[in-house]
Amino acid sequence: MSAKKVWRPFEEAREFVRSLKLRNQTEWKEYLESGERPNDIPSSPDSNYKNNGWINWGDWLGTGSIATKNRVYLS
């Protein structure tokens, strides 16, 4: 049986990811494939930090963007 993975606290992880200046999820995926991600930063932050700081990808990456599927339009 393996030990449960310990992730960096959300705020610290988000600060680290924002320092990378990635612009979108495509660039995040490219970063993951580069093998440079520290072991304490999850590859699926939306799952790992759900109910523990996660808002959306724009917040995580620091772009402020909201995915089209998550936008709310008011009439």
N, C-alpha and C. Protein backbone atom coordinates (compact mmCIF):
# COMPACT_ATOMS: atom_id res chain seq x y z
N MET A 1 0.84 -1.17 0.00
CA MET A 1 0.00 0.00 0.00
C MET A 1 0.90 1.24 0.00
N SER A 2 0.61 2.20 -0.90
CA SER A 2 1.43 3.40 -0.99
C SER A 2 0.84 4.52 -0.14
N ALA A 3 1.72 5.42 0.28
CA ALA A 3 1.29 6.55 1.11
C ALA A 3 0.50 7.54 0.25
N LYS A 4 -0.43 8.24 0.88
CA LYS A 4 -1.22 9.24 0.17
C LYS A 4 -0.30 10.40 -0.22
N LYS A 5 -0.47 10.88 -1.45
CA LYS A 5 0.34 11.98 -1.96
C LYS A 5 0.04 13.26 -1.17
N VAL A 6 1.08 13.98 -0.81
CA VAL A 6 0.93 15.24 -0.09
C VAL A 6 1.22 16.37 -1.07
N TRP A 7 0.21 17.20 -1.29
CA TRP A 7 0.35 18.32 -2.22
C TRP A 7 0.74 19.59 -1.50
N ARG A 8 1.39 20.47 -2.20
CA ARG A 8 1.71 21.80 -1.69
C ARG A 8 0.40 22.50 -1.37
N PRO A 9 0.33 23.30 -0.31
CA PRO A 9 -0.91 24.03 -0.01
C PRO A 9 -1.37 24.82 -1.24
N PHE A 10 -2.69 24.92 -1.42
CA PHE A 10 -3.26 25.53 -2.61
C PHE A 10 -2.67 26.90 -2.93
N GLU A 11 -2.64 27.79 -1.95
CA GLU A 11 -2.16 29.16 -2.21
C GLU A 11 -0.72 29.15 -2.72
N GLU A 12 0.13 28.33 -2.13
CA GLU A 12 1.53 28.25 -2.56
C GLU A 12 1.64 27.63 -3.95
N ALA A 13 0.86 26.60 -4.20
CA ALA A 13 0.88 25.95 -5.51
C ALA A 13 0.42 26.93 -6.59
N ARG A 14 -0.66 27.65 -6.31
CA ARG A 14 -1.18 28.61 -7.28
C ARG A 14 -0.15 29.71 -7.55
N GLU A 15 0.51 30.19 -6.52
CA GLU A 15 1.53 31.22 -6.69
C GLU A 15 2.66 30.70 -7.58
N PHE A 16 3.08 29.46 -7.36
CA PHE A 16 4.13 28.87 -8.19
C PHE A 16 3.67 28.78 -9.64
N VAL A 17 2.47 28.27 -9.87
CA VAL A 17 1.97 28.10 -11.24
C VAL A 17 1.83 29.45 -11.92
N ARG A 18 1.34 30.45 -11.22
CA ARG A 18 1.21 31.77 -11.82
C ARG A 18 2.56 32.34 -12.24
N SER A 19 3.61 31.99 -11.51
CA SER A 19 4.95 32.49 -11.84
C SER A 19 5.44 31.92 -13.18
N LEU A 20 4.81 30.86 -13.66
CA LEU A 20 5.19 30.25 -14.94
C LEU A 20 4.67 31.05 -16.13
N LYS A 21 3.68 31.93 -15.88
CA LYS A 21 3.10 32.79 -16.92
C LYS A 21 2.46 31.97 -18.05
N LEU A 22 1.84 30.86 -17.70
CA LEU A 22 1.12 30.07 -18.70
C LEU A 22 -0.18 30.79 -19.05
N ARG A 23 -0.59 30.72 -20.31
CA ARG A 23 -1.75 31.49 -20.74
C ARG A 23 -3.06 30.70 -20.78
N ASN A 24 -2.99 29.38 -20.81
CA ASN A 24 -4.22 28.59 -20.95
C ASN A 24 -3.95 27.13 -20.59
N GLN A 25 -5.02 26.31 -20.64
CA GLN A 25 -4.89 24.90 -20.28
C GLN A 25 -4.01 24.14 -21.27
N THR A 26 -3.98 24.57 -22.50
CA THR A 26 -3.10 23.91 -23.48
C THR A 26 -1.65 24.07 -23.05
N GLU A 27 -1.28 25.28 -22.63
CA GLU A 27 0.09 25.50 -22.17
C GLU A 27 0.35 24.74 -20.86
N TRP A 28 -0.67 24.60 -20.01
CA TRP A 28 -0.53 23.81 -18.79
C TRP A 28 -0.21 22.36 -19.15
N LYS A 29 -0.94 21.81 -20.12
CA LYS A 29 -0.72 20.43 -20.55
C LYS A 29 0.68 20.26 -21.14
N GLU A 30 1.14 21.24 -21.90
CA GLU A 30 2.49 21.19 -22.46
C GLU A 30 3.52 21.21 -21.34
N TYR A 31 3.26 22.02 -20.31
CA TYR A 31 4.15 22.09 -19.15
C TYR A 31 4.21 20.72 -18.46
N LEU A 32 3.06 20.09 -18.29
CA LEU A 32 3.02 18.77 -17.65
C LEU A 32 3.86 17.77 -18.44
N GLU A 33 3.75 17.81 -19.76
CA GLU A 33 4.48 16.89 -20.61
C GLU A 33 5.98 17.15 -20.61
N SER A 34 6.39 18.37 -20.20
CA SER A 34 7.82 18.71 -20.18
C SER A 34 8.56 17.97 -19.07
N GLY A 35 7.80 17.48 -18.07
CA GLY A 35 8.43 16.78 -16.95
C GLY A 35 9.05 17.70 -15.91
N GLU A 36 8.81 19.00 -16.03
CA GLU A 36 9.40 19.97 -15.10
C GLU A 36 8.54 20.24 -13.86
N ARG A 37 7.34 19.71 -13.83
CA ARG A 37 6.43 19.97 -12.70
C ARG A 37 6.99 19.35 -11.42
N PRO A 38 7.07 20.16 -10.33
CA PRO A 38 7.50 19.62 -9.05
C PRO A 38 6.54 18.53 -8.57
N ASN A 39 7.03 17.58 -7.83
CA ASN A 39 6.21 16.45 -7.37
C ASN A 39 5.07 16.85 -6.44
N ASP A 40 5.16 18.02 -5.80
CA ASP A 40 4.10 18.43 -4.88
C ASP A 40 3.08 19.37 -5.51
N ILE A 41 3.14 19.52 -6.83
CA ILE A 41 2.13 20.28 -7.58
C ILE A 41 1.32 19.26 -8.38
N PRO A 42 0.00 19.17 -8.14
CA PRO A 42 -0.79 18.16 -8.84
C PRO A 42 -0.98 18.48 -10.32
N SER A 43 -1.05 17.44 -11.13
CA SER A 43 -1.29 17.64 -12.56
C SER A 43 -2.77 17.96 -12.83
N SER A 44 -3.64 17.58 -11.90
CA SER A 44 -5.08 17.86 -12.02
C SER A 44 -5.53 18.71 -10.83
N PRO A 45 -5.11 19.97 -10.79
CA PRO A 45 -5.44 20.81 -9.63
C PRO A 45 -6.94 21.01 -9.44
N ASP A 46 -7.70 20.96 -10.53
CA ASP A 46 -9.14 21.14 -10.42
C ASP A 46 -9.77 20.01 -9.60
N SER A 47 -9.18 18.83 -9.63
CA SER A 47 -9.66 17.71 -8.80
C SER A 47 -9.04 17.72 -7.42
N ASN A 48 -7.72 17.94 -7.37
CA ASN A 48 -7.00 17.86 -6.11
C ASN A 48 -7.34 18.98 -5.13
N TYR A 49 -7.66 20.16 -5.66
CA TYR A 49 -7.97 21.29 -4.78
C TYR A 49 -9.46 21.64 -4.77
N LYS A 50 -10.28 20.75 -5.33
CA LYS A 50 -11.73 20.97 -5.29
C LYS A 50 -12.16 21.12 -3.84
N ASN A 51 -12.95 22.11 -3.54
CA ASN A 51 -13.42 22.41 -2.18
C ASN A 51 -12.27 22.79 -1.24
N ASN A 52 -11.13 23.17 -1.82
CA ASN A 52 -9.99 23.56 -0.99
C ASN A 52 -9.24 24.71 -1.66
N GLY A 53 -9.99 25.66 -2.22
CA GLY A 53 -9.39 26.84 -2.83
C GLY A 53 -9.61 26.96 -4.32
N TRP A 54 -9.89 25.83 -5.00
CA TRP A 54 -10.04 25.87 -6.45
C TRP A 54 -11.24 26.73 -6.86
N ILE A 55 -11.00 27.63 -7.84
CA ILE A 55 -12.08 28.46 -8.40
C ILE A 55 -12.28 28.08 -9.86
N ASN A 56 -11.25 28.28 -10.68
CA ASN A 56 -11.30 27.93 -12.09
C ASN A 56 -9.88 28.01 -12.66
N TRP A 57 -9.75 27.64 -13.93
CA TRP A 57 -8.43 27.64 -14.56
C TRP A 57 -7.85 29.04 -14.68
N GLY A 58 -8.68 30.03 -14.94
CA GLY A 58 -8.18 31.41 -15.04
C GLY A 58 -7.57 31.88 -13.73
N ASP A 59 -8.19 31.49 -12.63
CA ASP A 59 -7.65 31.83 -11.32
C ASP A 59 -6.35 31.07 -11.07
N TRP A 60 -6.33 29.79 -11.38
CA TRP A 60 -5.14 28.94 -11.17
C TRP A 60 -3.94 29.48 -11.95
N LEU A 61 -4.16 29.82 -13.21
CA LEU A 61 -3.06 30.28 -14.06
C LEU A 61 -2.78 31.77 -13.89
N GLY A 62 -3.72 32.49 -13.30
CA GLY A 62 -3.54 33.93 -13.10
C GLY A 62 -3.93 34.76 -14.29
N THR A 63 -4.68 34.18 -15.23
CA THR A 63 -5.09 34.92 -16.42
C THR A 63 -6.41 35.65 -16.22
N GLY A 64 -7.21 35.17 -15.27
CA GLY A 64 -8.52 35.76 -15.05
C GLY A 64 -9.56 35.28 -16.04
N SER A 65 -9.15 34.47 -17.00
CA SER A 65 -10.09 33.98 -18.02
C SER A 65 -11.04 32.94 -17.43
N ILE A 66 -12.24 32.90 -18.00
CA ILE A 66 -13.24 31.92 -17.61
C ILE A 66 -13.59 31.13 -18.86
N ALA A 67 -13.55 29.81 -18.75
CA ALA A 67 -13.90 28.98 -19.90
C ALA A 67 -15.30 29.31 -20.37
N THR A 68 -15.49 29.32 -21.68
CA THR A 68 -16.79 29.65 -22.26
C THR A 68 -17.92 28.83 -21.65
N LYS A 69 -17.66 27.53 -21.42
CA LYS A 69 -18.71 26.67 -20.87
C LYS A 69 -19.09 27.06 -19.44
N ASN A 70 -18.25 27.86 -18.75
CA ASN A 70 -18.51 28.24 -17.37
C ASN A 70 -19.06 29.66 -17.23
N ARG A 71 -19.23 30.35 -18.34
CA ARG A 71 -19.72 31.71 -18.28
C ARG A 71 -21.23 31.74 -18.03
N VAL A 72 -21.65 32.76 -17.34
CA VAL A 72 -23.07 32.97 -17.08
C VAL A 72 -23.46 34.25 -17.80
N TYR A 73 -24.44 34.17 -18.66
CA TYR A 73 -24.89 35.34 -19.41
C TYR A 73 -26.20 35.86 -18.81
N LEU A 74 -26.24 37.15 -18.60
CA LEU A 74 -27.43 37.79 -18.05
C LEU A 74 -28.16 38.54 -19.15
N SER A 75 -29.47 38.46 -19.15
CA SER A 75 -30.23 39.17 -20.18
C SER A 75 -30.69 40.51 -19.67
